[in-house]
């Protein structure tokens, strides 16, 4: 699959010397969903703003389906829809006119049927004649998405689209994202709800201090960096671990009535069989065994806190 968005050595330095982006290089394939994760101030919004032409890069290049974002700005920008983090809408304008106007801004011909389709998809058709100021926060975010889709972009940026939105509305939004992906739209999203990225993303990128630490297929990332834990529930609590178990780097669980063993699924030997045998030999009685896989959130926290592994693209 070919890249629809190519970013090469993108740098952004503000007055005073602050480097918001430090040589970001990234290819995003047509029709994929890329989740861009990072703590506050990591550079996520700066990257999106630079790609969309809102902020000028200090150096580097961005190509959108072959159009340079500087020399071919109009062609490049017409392919991009942006749902910003901040809600900025004309409060007294009607929903329908707000979305129509966005389509006109990109030189697209009037198409009332298309606008109706977008509004219905986002459950906004019944609100089409309502002024923006009469909408809830969640509905205003839906209007932002409708505006971004009004000119039929091939790439959609979602910058924290579900911030402050209730659980039901978030689910509706992600259903809409899945429908857009099925239509061939490429989606790049930033979110603090890592479980959502884990649920819908094809690839995951982690950015921190303006540097792209990693970009990798989600399933591959979780296999490569994820760990598993086995928790052995005991029939009675233990005060201290028997000496025969000291080589396993075990942790005691809640109320000292379980043993937690972390292992690497890629290792030739996990040590589980030997551990269970040694637990029995030590006179401890097992009553249950549970396993747990590292989540994407565990991996993200570890990356941001502890290091910069080789990025895979």
C-alpha atoms as a PDB file:
ATOM      1  CA  UNK A   1       0.000   0.000   0.000  1.00  0.00           C
ATOM      2  CA  UNK A   2       1.381   3.417  -0.964  1.00  0.00           C
ATOM      3  CA  UNK A   3       1.961   6.331   1.402  1.00  0.00           C
ATOM      4  CA  UNK A   4      -0.555   9.145   1.073  1.00  0.00           C
ATOM      5  CA  UNK A   5       1.317  11.341   3.559  1.00  0.00           C
ATOM      6  CA  UNK A   6       5.113  11.559   3.708  1.00  0.00           C
ATOM      7  CA  UNK A   7       6.883  13.625   6.363  1.00  0.00           C
ATOM      8  CA  UNK A   8      10.644  14.058   6.095  1.00  0.00           C
ATOM      9  CA  UNK A   9      12.951  15.435   8.824  1.00  0.00           C
ATOM     10  CA  UNK A  10      10.306  17.905   9.988  1.00  0.00           C
ATOM     11  CA  UNK A  11      11.592  20.452  12.497  1.00  0.00           C
ATOM     12  CA  UNK A  12       9.932  23.327  14.283  1.00  0.00           C
ATOM     13  CA  UNK A  13      11.882  25.719  16.486  1.00  0.00           C
ATOM     14  CA  UNK A  14      10.131  28.669  18.106  1.00  0.00           C
ATOM     15  CA  UNK A  15      11.629  32.010  19.034  1.00  0.00           C
ATOM     16  CA  UNK A  16      13.734  31.534  22.107  1.00  0.00           C
ATOM     17  CA  UNK A  17      15.111  28.235  20.831  1.00  0.00           C
ATOM     18  CA  UNK A  18      12.400  25.807  21.955  1.00  0.00           C
ATOM     19  CA  UNK A  19      12.356  22.775  19.648  1.00  0.00           C
ATOM     20  CA  UNK A  20       8.793  21.505  19.339  1.00  0.00           C
ATOM     21  CA  UNK A  21       9.645  19.017  16.572  1.00  0.00           C
ATOM     22  CA  UNK A  22      13.051  17.374  16.222  1.00  0.00           C
ATOM     23  CA  UNK A  23      13.418  15.778  12.827  1.00  0.00           C
ATOM     24  CA  UNK A  24      10.179  13.818  12.555  1.00  0.00           C
ATOM     25  CA  UNK A  25      10.096  11.369   9.629  1.00  0.00           C
ATOM     26  CA  UNK A  26       6.938   9.363   8.980  1.00  0.00           C
ATOM     27  CA  UNK A  27       5.034   7.679   6.144  1.00  0.00           C
ATOM     28  CA  UNK A  28       1.295   7.158   6.563  1.00  0.00           C
ATOM     29  CA  UNK A  29      -0.401   4.704   4.253  1.00  0.00           C
ATOM     30  CA  UNK A  30      -3.647   5.286   2.447  1.00  0.00           C
ATOM     31  CA  UNK A  31      -6.667   3.976   4.340  1.00  0.00           C
ATOM     32  CA  UNK A  32      -4.947   3.248   7.651  1.00  0.00           C
ATOM     33  CA  UNK A  33      -5.695   4.529  11.142  1.00  0.00           C
ATOM     34  CA  UNK A  34      -2.613   5.817  12.947  1.00  0.00           C
ATOM     35  CA  UNK A  35      -2.893   6.652  16.645  1.00  0.00           C
ATOM     36  CA  UNK A  36      -0.347   9.240  17.753  1.00  0.00           C
ATOM     37  CA  UNK A  37       0.278   8.991  21.480  1.00  0.00           C
ATOM     38  CA  UNK A  38       2.286  11.250  23.728  1.00  0.00           C
ATOM     39  CA  UNK A  39       2.044  13.234  26.970  1.00  0.00           C
ATOM     40  CA  UNK A  40       0.956  16.869  27.050  1.00  0.00           C
ATOM     41  CA  UNK A  41       3.543  19.058  25.335  1.00  0.00           C
ATOM     42  CA  UNK A  42       5.042  16.135  23.403  1.00  0.00           C
ATOM     43  CA  UNK A  43       4.555  17.793  19.993  1.00  0.00           C
ATOM     44  CA  UNK A  44       1.393  16.070  18.748  1.00  0.00           C
ATOM     45  CA  UNK A  45      -0.599  19.218  18.015  1.00  0.00           C
ATOM     46  CA  UNK A  46       2.448  20.999  16.599  1.00  0.00           C
ATOM     47  CA  UNK A  47       2.998  18.125  14.184  1.00  0.00           C
ATOM     48  CA  UNK A  48      -0.630  18.195  13.041  1.00  0.00           C
ATOM     49  CA  UNK A  49      -0.633  21.994  12.722  1.00  0.00           C
ATOM     50  CA  UNK A  50       2.544  21.914  10.650  1.00  0.00           C
ATOM     51  CA  UNK A  51       1.278  19.207   8.305  1.00  0.00           C
ATOM     52  CA  UNK A  52      -1.978  21.160   7.843  1.00  0.00           C
ATOM     53  CA  UNK A  53      -0.144  24.410   7.097  1.00  0.00           C
ATOM     54  CA  UNK A  54      -1.342  26.235  10.200  1.00  0.00           C
ATOM     55  CA  UNK A  55       2.233  26.443  11.493  1.00  0.00           C
ATOM     56  CA  UNK A  56       5.284  26.903   9.278  1.00  0.00           C
ATOM     57  CA  UNK A  57       8.042  24.329   9.657  1.00  0.00           C
ATOM     58  CA  UNK A  58      11.569  25.493  10.376  1.00  0.00           C
ATOM     59  CA  UNK A  59      12.875  22.811   8.005  1.00  0.00           C
ATOM     60  CA  UNK A  60      11.896  19.520   6.457  1.00  0.00           C
ATOM     61  CA  UNK A  61       9.106  18.656   4.057  1.00  0.00           C
ATOM     62  CA  UNK A  62       5.565  17.311   3.910  1.00  0.00           C
ATOM     63  CA  UNK A  63       4.054  15.645   0.851  1.00  0.00           C
ATOM     64  CA  UNK A  64       0.311  14.944   0.633  1.00  0.00           C
ATOM     65  CA  UNK A  65      -0.462  12.462  -2.137  1.00  0.00           C
ATOM     66  CA  UNK A  66       2.491  13.854  -4.071  1.00  0.00           C
ATOM     67  CA  UNK A  67       1.699  17.548  -3.439  1.00  0.00           C
ATOM     68  CA  UNK A  68       4.287  19.522  -1.486  1.00  0.00           C
ATOM     69  CA  UNK A  69       2.617  21.266   1.453  1.00  0.00           C
ATOM     70  CA  UNK A  70       4.429  24.539   0.683  1.00  0.00           C
ATOM     71  CA  UNK A  71       4.746  24.822  -3.100  1.00  0.00           C
ATOM     72  CA  UNK A  72       1.474  22.974  -3.705  1.00  0.00           C
ATOM     73  CA  UNK A  73      -0.355  24.181  -0.623  1.00  0.00           C
ATOM     74  CA  UNK A  74      -3.867  24.445  -2.067  1.00  0.00           C
ATOM     75  CA  UNK A  75      -3.817  20.968  -3.601  1.00  0.00           C
ATOM     76  CA  UNK A  76      -2.284  19.442  -0.469  1.00  0.00           C
ATOM     77  CA  UNK A  77      -4.637  21.178   1.964  1.00  0.00           C
ATOM     78  CA  UNK A  78      -7.726  20.273  -0.058  1.00  0.00           C
ATOM     79  CA  UNK A  79      -7.001  16.614   0.674  1.00  0.00           C
ATOM     80  CA  UNK A  80      -6.926  17.161   4.454  1.00  0.00           C
ATOM     81  CA  UNK A  81      -9.722  17.487   6.989  1.00  0.00           C
ATOM     82  CA  UNK A  82      -8.870  18.710  10.481  1.00  0.00           C
ATOM     83  CA  UNK A  83     -10.855  18.338  13.683  1.00  0.00           C
ATOM     84  CA  UNK A  84      -8.999  20.623  16.121  1.00  0.00           C
ATOM     85  CA  UNK A  85      -8.698  20.095  19.829  1.00  0.00           C
ATOM     86  CA  UNK A  86     -10.312  23.421  20.680  1.00  0.00           C
ATOM     87  CA  UNK A  87     -13.971  24.088  19.860  1.00  0.00           C
ATOM     88  CA  UNK A  88     -14.099  27.279  17.787  1.00  0.00           C
ATOM     89  CA  UNK A  89     -17.460  27.787  16.104  1.00  0.00           C
ATOM     90  CA  UNK A  90     -19.666  30.792  15.348  1.00  0.00           C
ATOM     91  CA  UNK A  91     -22.207  30.520  18.203  1.00  0.00           C
ATOM     92  CA  UNK A  92     -25.168  32.141  16.411  1.00  0.00           C
ATOM     93  CA  UNK A  93     -24.814  30.333  13.085  1.00  0.00           C
ATOM     94  CA  UNK A  94     -26.978  27.327  12.248  1.00  0.00           C
ATOM     95  CA  UNK A  95     -25.425  23.877  12.020  1.00  0.00           C
ATOM     96  CA  UNK A  96     -26.354  23.407   8.356  1.00  0.00           C
ATOM     97  CA  UNK A  97     -24.865  26.717   7.246  1.00  0.00           C
ATOM     98  CA  UNK A  98     -21.710  26.107   9.277  1.00  0.00           C
ATOM     99  CA  UNK A  99     -21.015  22.833   7.490  1.00  0.00           C
ATOM    100  CA  UNK A 100     -22.010  24.177   4.051  1.00  0.00           C
ATOM    101  CA  UNK A 101     -19.629  27.097   4.486  1.00  0.00           C
ATOM    102  CA  UNK A 102     -16.688  24.785   5.177  1.00  0.00           C
ATOM    103  CA  UNK A 103     -17.330  22.952   1.909  1.00  0.00           C
ATOM    104  CA  UNK A 104     -17.349  26.251   0.041  1.00  0.00           C
ATOM    105  CA  UNK A 105     -14.052  27.315   1.607  1.00  0.00           C
ATOM    106  CA  UNK A 106     -12.315  24.537  -0.305  1.00  0.00           C
ATOM    107  CA  UNK A 107     -13.932  25.469  -3.591  1.00  0.00           C
ATOM    108  CA  UNK A 108     -16.191  22.450  -3.683  1.00  0.00           C
ATOM    109  CA  UNK A 109     -19.522  22.886  -5.477  1.00  0.00           C
ATOM    110  CA  UNK A 110     -22.687  23.025  -3.423  1.00  0.00           C
ATOM    111  CA  UNK A 111     -24.007  19.540  -2.714  1.00  0.00           C
ATOM    112  CA  UNK A 112     -26.926  19.520  -0.289  1.00  0.00           C
ATOM    113  CA  UNK A 113     -27.333  15.738  -0.568  1.00  0.00           C
ATOM    114  CA  UNK A 114     -23.723  15.202   0.503  1.00  0.00           C
ATOM    115  CA  UNK A 115     -24.069  17.581   3.445  1.00  0.00           C
ATOM    116  CA  UNK A 116     -27.245  15.792   4.507  1.00  0.00           C
ATOM    117  CA  UNK A 117     -25.424  12.436   4.383  1.00  0.00           C
ATOM    118  CA  UNK A 118     -22.645  13.755   6.610  1.00  0.00           C
ATOM    119  CA  UNK A 119     -25.056  15.283   9.117  1.00  0.00           C
ATOM    120  CA  UNK A 120     -27.133  12.121   9.288  1.00  0.00           C
ATOM    121  CA  UNK A 121     -24.043   9.983   9.789  1.00  0.00           C
ATOM    122  CA  UNK A 122     -23.086  12.144  12.755  1.00  0.00           C
ATOM    123  CA  UNK A 123     -26.649  12.266  14.174  1.00  0.00           C
ATOM    124  CA  UNK A 124     -26.822  16.005  13.471  1.00  0.00           C
ATOM    125  CA  UNK A 125     -29.593  16.120  10.880  1.00  0.00           C
ATOM    126  CA  UNK A 126     -32.262  16.810  13.492  1.00  0.00           C
ATOM    127  CA  UNK A 127     -30.102  19.701  14.750  1.00  0.00           C
ATOM    128  CA  UNK A 128     -29.454  21.204  11.309  1.00  0.00           C
ATOM    129  CA  UNK A 129     -31.452  24.389  12.002  1.00  0.00           C
ATOM    130  CA  UNK A 130     -30.208  24.823  15.568  1.00  0.00           C
ATOM    131  CA  UNK A 131     -27.739  27.592  16.406  1.00  0.00           C
ATOM    132  CA  UNK A 132     -24.357  26.316  17.544  1.00  0.00           C
ATOM    133  CA  UNK A 133     -24.779  27.948  20.960  1.00  0.00           C
ATOM    134  CA  UNK A 134     -27.784  25.690  21.650  1.00  0.00           C
ATOM    135  CA  UNK A 135     -25.751  22.477  21.277  1.00  0.00           C
ATOM    136  CA  UNK A 136     -24.064  20.413  23.974  1.00  0.00           C
ATOM    137  CA  UNK A 137     -20.280  20.094  24.022  1.00  0.00           C
ATOM    138  CA  UNK A 138     -20.462  16.650  22.453  1.00  0.00           C
ATOM    139  CA  UNK A 139     -22.709  17.861  19.640  1.00  0.00           C
ATOM    140  CA  UNK A 140     -20.344  20.761  18.957  1.00  0.00           C
ATOM    141  CA  UNK A 141     -17.545  18.239  18.504  1.00  0.00           C
ATOM    142  CA  UNK A 142     -19.727  16.398  16.005  1.00  0.00           C
ATOM    143  CA  UNK A 143     -20.146  19.671  14.112  1.00  0.00           C
ATOM    144  CA  UNK A 144     -16.357  20.019  14.000  1.00  0.00           C
ATOM    145  CA  UNK A 145     -16.120  16.555  12.437  1.00  0.00           C
ATOM    146  CA  UNK A 146     -18.883  17.418   9.946  1.00  0.00           C
ATOM    147  CA  UNK A 147     -17.013  20.595   8.961  1.00  0.00           C
ATOM    148  CA  UNK A 148     -13.824  18.587   8.462  1.00  0.00           C
ATOM    149  CA  UNK A 149     -15.623  16.070   6.241  1.00  0.00           C
ATOM    150  CA  UNK A 150     -17.628  18.590   4.232  1.00  0.00           C
ATOM    151  CA  UNK A 151     -15.103  18.831   1.365  1.00  0.00           C
ATOM    152  CA  UNK A 152     -14.575  15.046   1.169  1.00  0.00           C
ATOM    153  CA  UNK A 153     -10.941  14.904   2.326  1.00  0.00           C
ATOM    154  CA  UNK A 154      -8.832  11.788   1.867  1.00  0.00           C
ATOM    155  CA  UNK A 155      -6.938  12.380   5.123  1.00  0.00           C
ATOM    156  CA  UNK A 156      -8.626  13.226   8.421  1.00  0.00           C
ATOM    157  CA  UNK A 157      -6.760  14.531  11.466  1.00  0.00           C
ATOM    158  CA  UNK A 158      -8.556  14.102  14.793  1.00  0.00           C
ATOM    159  CA  UNK A 159      -6.811  16.032  17.571  1.00  0.00           C
ATOM    160  CA  UNK A 160      -8.259  14.789  20.872  1.00  0.00           C
ATOM    161  CA  UNK A 161     -11.731  14.454  19.309  1.00  0.00           C
ATOM    162  CA  UNK A 162     -13.371  12.845  22.341  1.00  0.00           C
ATOM    163  CA  UNK A 163     -12.021  15.141  25.053  1.00  0.00           C
ATOM    164  CA  UNK A 164     -14.860  15.927  27.443  1.00  0.00           C
ATOM    165  CA  UNK A 165     -17.310  13.693  25.590  1.00  0.00           C
ATOM    166  CA  UNK A 166     -19.437  11.131  27.411  1.00  0.00           C
ATOM    167  CA  UNK A 167     -18.911   7.390  26.903  1.00  0.00           C
ATOM    168  CA  UNK A 168     -21.925   6.867  24.619  1.00  0.00           C
ATOM    169  CA  UNK A 169     -20.945   9.733  22.342  1.00  0.00           C
ATOM    170  CA  UNK A 170     -17.339   8.492  22.218  1.00  0.00           C
ATOM    171  CA  UNK A 171     -18.534   5.104  21.025  1.00  0.00           C
ATOM    172  CA  UNK A 172     -20.635   6.744  18.307  1.00  0.00           C
ATOM    173  CA  UNK A 173     -17.623   8.745  17.157  1.00  0.00           C
ATOM    174  CA  UNK A 174     -15.418   5.671  16.903  1.00  0.00           C
ATOM    175  CA  UNK A 175     -18.140   3.890  14.951  1.00  0.00           C
ATOM    176  CA  UNK A 176     -18.030   6.840  12.552  1.00  0.00           C
ATOM    177  CA  UNK A 177     -14.238   6.540  12.336  1.00  0.00           C
ATOM    178  CA  UNK A 178     -14.591   2.869  11.409  1.00  0.00           C
ATOM    179  CA  UNK A 179     -17.078   3.794   8.662  1.00  0.00           C
ATOM    180  CA  UNK A 180     -14.698   6.438   7.294  1.00  0.00           C
ATOM    181  CA  UNK A 181     -11.871   3.918   7.200  1.00  0.00           C
ATOM    182  CA  UNK A 182     -14.142   1.557   5.268  1.00  0.00           C
ATOM    183  CA  UNK A 183     -14.663   4.411   2.771  1.00  0.00           C
ATOM    184  CA  UNK A 184     -10.881   4.644   2.289  1.00  0.00           C
ATOM    185  CA  UNK A 185     -10.234   7.739   4.413  1.00  0.00           C
ATOM    186  CA  UNK A 186      -6.829   7.843   6.101  1.00  0.00           C
ATOM    187  CA  UNK A 187      -7.157   8.817   9.762  1.00  0.00           C
ATOM    188  CA  UNK A 188      -4.543  10.177  12.150  1.00  0.00           C
ATOM    189  CA  UNK A 189      -5.756  10.682  15.691  1.00  0.00           C
ATOM    190  CA  UNK A 190      -4.335  11.822  18.974  1.00  0.00           C
ATOM    191  CA  UNK A 191      -6.048  10.700  22.132  1.00  0.00           C
ATOM    192  CA  UNK A 192      -5.528  10.377  25.871  1.00  0.00           C
ATOM    193  CA  UNK A 193      -7.866   7.387  25.899  1.00  0.00           C
ATOM    194  CA  UNK A 194      -5.245   4.788  25.095  1.00  0.00           C
ATOM    195  CA  UNK A 195      -7.736   1.940  25.239  1.00  0.00           C
ATOM    196  CA  UNK A 196      -9.467   3.511  22.236  1.00  0.00           C
ATOM    197  CA  UNK A 197      -6.234   3.622  20.267  1.00  0.00           C
ATOM    198  CA  UNK A 198      -5.695  -0.004  21.196  1.00  0.00           C
ATOM    199  CA  UNK A 199      -9.172  -0.862  19.919  1.00  0.00           C
ATOM    200  CA  UNK A 200      -9.229   0.908  16.539  1.00  0.00           C
ATOM    201  CA  UNK A 201      -5.694   1.798  15.372  1.00  0.00           C
ATOM    202  CA  UNK A 202      -3.749  -0.118  12.736  1.00  0.00           C
ATOM    203  CA  UNK A 203      -0.445   1.442  13.779  1.00  0.00           C
ATOM    204  CA  UNK A 204       0.723   3.331  16.825  1.00  0.00           C
ATOM    205  CA  UNK A 205       3.203   6.193  16.985  1.00  0.00           C
ATOM    206  CA  UNK A 206       4.702   7.476  20.227  1.00  0.00           C
ATOM    207  CA  UNK A 207       6.066  11.018  20.356  1.00  0.00           C
ATOM    208  CA  UNK A 208       7.788  12.745  23.277  1.00  0.00           C
ATOM    209  CA  UNK A 209       9.771  15.989  23.517  1.00  0.00           C
ATOM    210  CA  UNK A 210       9.293  16.507  19.785  1.00  0.00           C
ATOM    211  CA  UNK A 211      10.873  13.190  18.806  1.00  0.00           C
ATOM    212  CA  UNK A 212       9.112  10.229  17.267  1.00  0.00           C
ATOM    213  CA  UNK A 213      10.159   7.357  19.502  1.00  0.00           C
ATOM    214  CA  UNK A 214       8.421   4.610  17.617  1.00  0.00           C
ATOM    215  CA  UNK A 215       5.949   3.869  14.822  1.00  0.00           C
ATOM    216  CA  UNK A 216       4.829   0.284  14.504  1.00  0.00           C
ATOM    217  CA  UNK A 217       1.958  -2.010  13.674  1.00  0.00           C
ATOM    218  CA  UNK A 218      -0.116  -2.240  16.847  1.00  0.00           C
ATOM    219  CA  UNK A 219      -0.247  -6.023  17.018  1.00  0.00           C
ATOM    220  CA  UNK A 220       3.475  -6.322  16.265  1.00  0.00           C
ATOM    221  CA  UNK A 221       4.311  -3.723  18.905  1.00  0.00           C
ATOM    222  CA  UNK A 222       2.337  -5.535  21.562  1.00  0.00           C
ATOM    223  CA  UNK A 223       3.984  -8.838  20.654  1.00  0.00           C
ATOM    224  CA  UNK A 224       7.473  -7.321  20.576  1.00  0.00           C
ATOM    225  CA  UNK A 225       7.305  -5.203  23.706  1.00  0.00           C
ATOM    226  CA  UNK A 226       4.438  -6.709  25.639  1.00  0.00           C
ATOM    227  CA  UNK A 227       4.998  -8.951  28.583  1.00  0.00           C
ATOM    228  CA  UNK A 228       2.762 -11.447  30.291  1.00  0.00           C
ATOM    229  CA  UNK A 229       2.220 -12.057  33.953  1.00  0.00           C
ATOM    230  CA  UNK A 230       1.056 -15.196  35.633  1.00  0.00           C
ATOM    231  CA  UNK A 231      -0.541 -14.795  39.049  1.00  0.00           C
ATOM    232  CA  UNK A 232      -0.624 -17.915  41.186  1.00  0.00           C
ATOM    233  CA  UNK A 233      -3.288 -17.770  43.867  1.00  0.00           C
ATOM    234  CA  UNK A 234      -2.346 -19.622  47.058  1.00  0.00           C
ATOM    235  CA  UNK A 235      -4.689 -21.312  49.507  1.00  0.00           C
ATOM    236  CA  UNK A 236      -3.067 -19.430  52.398  1.00  0.00           C
ATOM    237  CA  UNK A 237      -0.985 -16.242  52.693  1.00  0.00           C
ATOM    238  CA  UNK A 238       2.799 -16.411  53.002  1.00  0.00           C
ATOM    239  CA  UNK A 239       4.967 -14.141  55.139  1.00  0.00           C
ATOM    240  CA  UNK A 240       8.158 -14.661  53.136  1.00  0.00           C
ATOM    241  CA  UNK A 241       9.066 -16.489  49.963  1.00  0.00           C
ATOM    242  CA  UNK A 242      10.829 -19.835  50.357  1.00  0.00           C
ATOM    243  CA  UNK A 243      14.514 -19.698  49.431  1.00  0.00           C
ATOM    244  CA  UNK A 244      13.901 -22.195  46.628  1.00  0.00           C
ATOM    245  CA  UNK A 245      11.822 -19.563  44.809  1.00  0.00           C
ATOM    246  CA  UNK A 246      14.281 -16.684  45.155  1.00  0.00           C
ATOM    247  CA  UNK A 247      15.602 -17.103  41.611  1.00  0.00           C
ATOM    248  CA  UNK A 248      12.269 -16.303  39.965  1.00  0.00           C
ATOM    249  CA  UNK A 249      12.016 -12.561  40.798  1.00  0.00           C
ATOM    250  CA  UNK A 250       8.507 -13.060  42.138  1.00  0.00           C
ATOM    251  CA  UNK A 251       6.280 -10.329  43.561  1.00  0.00           C
ATOM    252  CA  UNK A 252       3.758 -10.941  46.307  1.00  0.00           C
ATOM    253  CA  UNK A 253       0.177 -10.054  45.395  1.00  0.00           C
ATOM    254  CA  UNK A 254      -2.683  -8.678  47.449  1.00  0.00           C
ATOM    255  CA  UNK A 255      -2.731  -9.781  51.083  1.00  0.00           C
ATOM    256  CA  UNK A 256       0.397 -11.843  50.358  1.00  0.00           C
ATOM    257  CA  UNK A 257      -1.802 -14.638  49.063  1.00  0.00           C
ATOM    258  CA  UNK A 258      -0.583 -14.765  45.482  1.00  0.00           C
ATOM    259  CA  UNK A 259       2.700 -14.905  43.593  1.00  0.00           C
ATOM    260  CA  UNK A 260       3.134 -12.740  40.473  1.00  0.00           C
ATOM    261  CA  UNK A 261       5.638 -13.867  37.852  1.00  0.00           C
ATOM    262  CA  UNK A 262       6.458 -11.702  34.780  1.00  0.00           C
ATOM    263  CA  UNK A 263       7.845 -13.415  31.706  1.00  0.00           C
ATOM    264  CA  UNK A 264       8.713 -12.730  28.081  1.00  0.00           C
ATOM    265  CA  UNK A 265       6.561 -14.656  25.619  1.00  0.00           C
ATOM    266  CA  UNK A 266       9.385 -14.508  23.030  1.00  0.00           C
ATOM    267  CA  UNK A 267      11.837 -16.373  25.233  1.00  0.00           C
ATOM    268  CA  UNK A 268      12.732 -19.943  24.351  1.00  0.00           C
ATOM    269  CA  UNK A 269      11.721 -20.974  27.858  1.00  0.00           C
ATOM    270  CA  UNK A 270       9.269 -19.056  30.009  1.00  0.00           C
ATOM    271  CA  UNK A 271      10.151 -20.885  33.228  1.00  0.00           C
ATOM    272  CA  UNK A 272       6.489 -21.419  34.101  1.00  0.00           C
ATOM    273  CA  UNK A 273       6.666 -25.201  34.327  1.00  0.00           C
ATOM    274  CA  UNK A 274       9.702 -25.104  36.609  1.00  0.00           C
ATOM    275  CA  UNK A 275       8.087 -22.379  38.737  1.00  0.00           C
ATOM    276  CA  UNK A 276       4.907 -24.381  39.313  1.00  0.00           C
ATOM    277  CA  UNK A 277       6.924 -27.465  40.198  1.00  0.00           C
ATOM    278  CA  UNK A 278       9.073 -25.510  42.659  1.00  0.00           C
ATOM    279  CA  UNK A 279       6.010 -23.889  44.245  1.00  0.00           C
ATOM    280  CA  UNK A 280       4.555 -27.343  44.899  1.00  0.00           C
ATOM    281  CA  UNK A 281       7.925 -28.627  46.155  1.00  0.00           C
ATOM    282  CA  UNK A 282       8.061 -25.719  48.617  1.00  0.00           C
ATOM    283  CA  UNK A 283       4.850 -26.957  50.195  1.00  0.00           C
ATOM    284  CA  UNK A 284       2.633 -24.136  48.906  1.00  0.00           C
ATOM    285  CA  UNK A 285      -0.847 -25.089  47.732  1.00  0.00           C
ATOM    286  CA  UNK A 286      -2.211 -23.535  44.511  1.00  0.00           C
ATOM    287  CA  UNK A 287      -5.918 -22.713  44.218  1.00  0.00           C
ATOM    288  CA  UNK A 288      -6.003 -20.692  40.962  1.00  0.00           C
ATOM    289  CA  UNK A 289      -3.792 -19.420  38.135  1.00  0.00           C
ATOM    290  CA  UNK A 290      -4.439 -16.286  36.012  1.00  0.00           C
ATOM    291  CA  UNK A 291      -2.490 -14.639  33.199  1.00  0.00           C
ATOM    292  CA  UNK A 292      -2.405 -11.012  32.067  1.00  0.00           C
ATOM    293  CA  UNK A 293      -1.010  -9.450  28.876  1.00  0.00           C
ATOM    294  CA  UNK A 294       0.593  -5.990  28.923  1.00  0.00           C
ATOM    295  CA  UNK A 295      -1.775  -3.366  27.494  1.00  0.00           C
ATOM    296  CA  UNK A 296      -0.883  -0.638  25.034  1.00  0.00           C
ATOM    297  CA  UNK A 297      -1.023   1.781  27.963  1.00  0.00           C
ATOM    298  CA  UNK A 298       1.641  -0.211  29.816  1.00  0.00           C
ATOM    299  CA  UNK A 299       3.875  -0.100  26.750  1.00  0.00           C
ATOM    300  CA  UNK A 300       3.260   3.629  26.207  1.00  0.00           C
ATOM    301  CA  UNK A 301       4.073   4.531  29.795  1.00  0.00           C
ATOM    302  CA  UNK A 302       7.252   2.469  29.624  1.00  0.00           C
ATOM    303  CA  UNK A 303       8.388   4.117  26.388  1.00  0.00           C
ATOM    304  CA  UNK A 304       7.773   7.669  27.569  1.00  0.00           C
ATOM    305  CA  UNK A 305       9.340   7.065  30.956  1.00  0.00           C
ATOM    306  CA  UNK A 306      12.272   4.950  30.063  1.00  0.00           C
ATOM    307  CA  UNK A 307      13.777   5.145  26.640  1.00  0.00           C
ATOM    308  CA  UNK A 308      13.775   5.618  22.911  1.00  0.00           C
ATOM    309  CA  UNK A 309      13.741   2.275  21.093  1.00  0.00           C
ATOM    310  CA  UNK A 310      14.503   2.082  17.428  1.00  0.00           C
ATOM    311  CA  UNK A 311      11.521   3.383  15.454  1.00  0.00           C
ATOM    312  CA  UNK A 312       9.952   0.991  13.000  1.00  0.00           C
ATOM    313  CA  UNK A 313       8.024   2.323  10.051  1.00  0.00           C
END
